[in-house]
Protein backbone atom coordinates (compact mmCIF):
# COMPACT_ATOMS: atom_id res chain seq x y z
CA MET A 1 -19.67 -59.73 10.80
CA MET A 2 -19.33 -63.47 10.24
CA GLN A 3 -19.63 -65.84 13.18
CA ASN A 4 -17.24 -68.75 13.57
CA ALA A 5 -20.06 -71.33 13.67
CA MET A 6 -23.39 -72.03 11.99
CA THR A 7 -26.42 -74.08 13.00
CA PHE A 8 -28.97 -75.80 10.74
CA LYS A 9 -31.51 -78.50 11.64
CA GLY A 10 -29.80 -79.08 14.98
CA HIS A 11 -26.33 -79.54 13.46
CA HIS A 12 -23.37 -77.24 13.96
CA GLY A 13 -20.70 -76.28 11.47
CA SER A 14 -17.42 -74.43 11.70
CA VAL A 15 -16.38 -71.40 9.66
CA GLU A 16 -12.72 -71.09 8.70
CA ILE A 17 -10.79 -68.90 6.28
CA SER A 18 -8.00 -70.03 3.97
CA GLN A 19 -6.18 -66.87 2.98
CA GLU A 20 -3.82 -68.92 0.80
CA ASP A 21 -6.69 -70.30 -1.29
CA ASN A 22 -9.01 -67.29 -0.80
CA ILE A 23 -11.93 -69.49 0.29
CA LEU A 24 -14.10 -70.10 3.30
CA PHE A 25 -14.50 -73.66 4.52
CA GLY A 26 -15.78 -75.67 7.44
CA GLN A 27 -16.94 -79.00 8.70
CA VAL A 28 -19.95 -80.34 10.56
CA LEU A 29 -19.09 -80.50 14.24
CA PHE A 30 -19.86 -82.96 17.04
CA ILE A 31 -20.73 -86.00 14.89
CA SER A 32 -18.41 -88.77 13.72
CA PRO A 33 -18.99 -88.63 9.94
CA LEU A 34 -16.53 -86.19 8.36
CA ILE A 35 -18.60 -83.69 6.39
CA ASN A 36 -16.80 -80.71 4.82
CA TYR A 37 -18.02 -77.76 2.77
CA GLU A 38 -16.47 -74.69 1.15
CA ALA A 39 -17.39 -71.53 -0.75
CA GLU A 40 -16.02 -68.19 -1.83
CA THR A 41 -18.53 -66.03 0.10
CA ALA A 42 -20.18 -66.09 3.51
CA LYS A 43 -23.61 -66.56 1.94
CA GLY A 44 -22.22 -69.35 -0.24
CA LEU A 45 -20.67 -71.06 2.78
CA GLU A 46 -23.98 -71.01 4.64
CA GLN A 47 -25.68 -72.51 1.59
CA ALA A 48 -22.96 -75.18 1.21
CA PHE A 49 -23.33 -76.05 4.92
CA GLN A 50 -27.10 -76.42 4.59
CA GLU A 51 -26.71 -78.54 1.44
CA ALA A 52 -24.19 -80.76 3.25
CA ILE A 53 -26.62 -81.29 6.15
CA ASN A 54 -29.50 -82.02 3.79
CA ALA A 55 -27.35 -84.51 1.85
CA TYR A 56 -26.26 -86.20 5.11
CA LEU A 57 -29.86 -86.52 6.31
CA ALA A 58 -31.01 -87.84 2.91
CA ASP A 59 -28.19 -90.39 2.87
CA CYS A 60 -29.13 -91.55 6.37
CA ALA A 61 -32.77 -91.90 5.33
CA GLN A 62 -31.84 -93.77 2.14
CA HIS A 63 -29.76 -96.28 4.11
CA ASP A 64 -32.26 -96.45 7.01
CA ILE A 65 -29.64 -95.23 9.47
CA PRO A 66 -30.55 -92.76 12.22
CA PRO A 67 -28.54 -89.55 11.78
CA GLU A 68 -26.17 -88.66 14.57
CA LYS A 69 -27.20 -85.70 16.67
CA ALA A 70 -24.89 -83.05 18.02
CA LEU A 71 -23.69 -83.56 21.55
CA GLU A 72 -26.18 -82.60 24.23
CA GLY A 73 -25.59 -79.19 25.76
CA ILE A 74 -23.91 -77.74 22.67
CA ALA A 75 -25.63 -74.59 21.49
């Protein structure tokens, strides 16, 4: 069974279903940058989420900006 949230490297992401488009999608939660991801399978969505987090962290490092962290107390 798929959960409605994922966690990777301290960041949280939502899991949504678009029955119209027959895809899964989500966004990174609890930080101000808008980071979205999508895939056709649950495994693909998890991979897309992890790639989005890795890209965000790499972009922060490249621009010497500290990445935002999820709100304290969010599990």
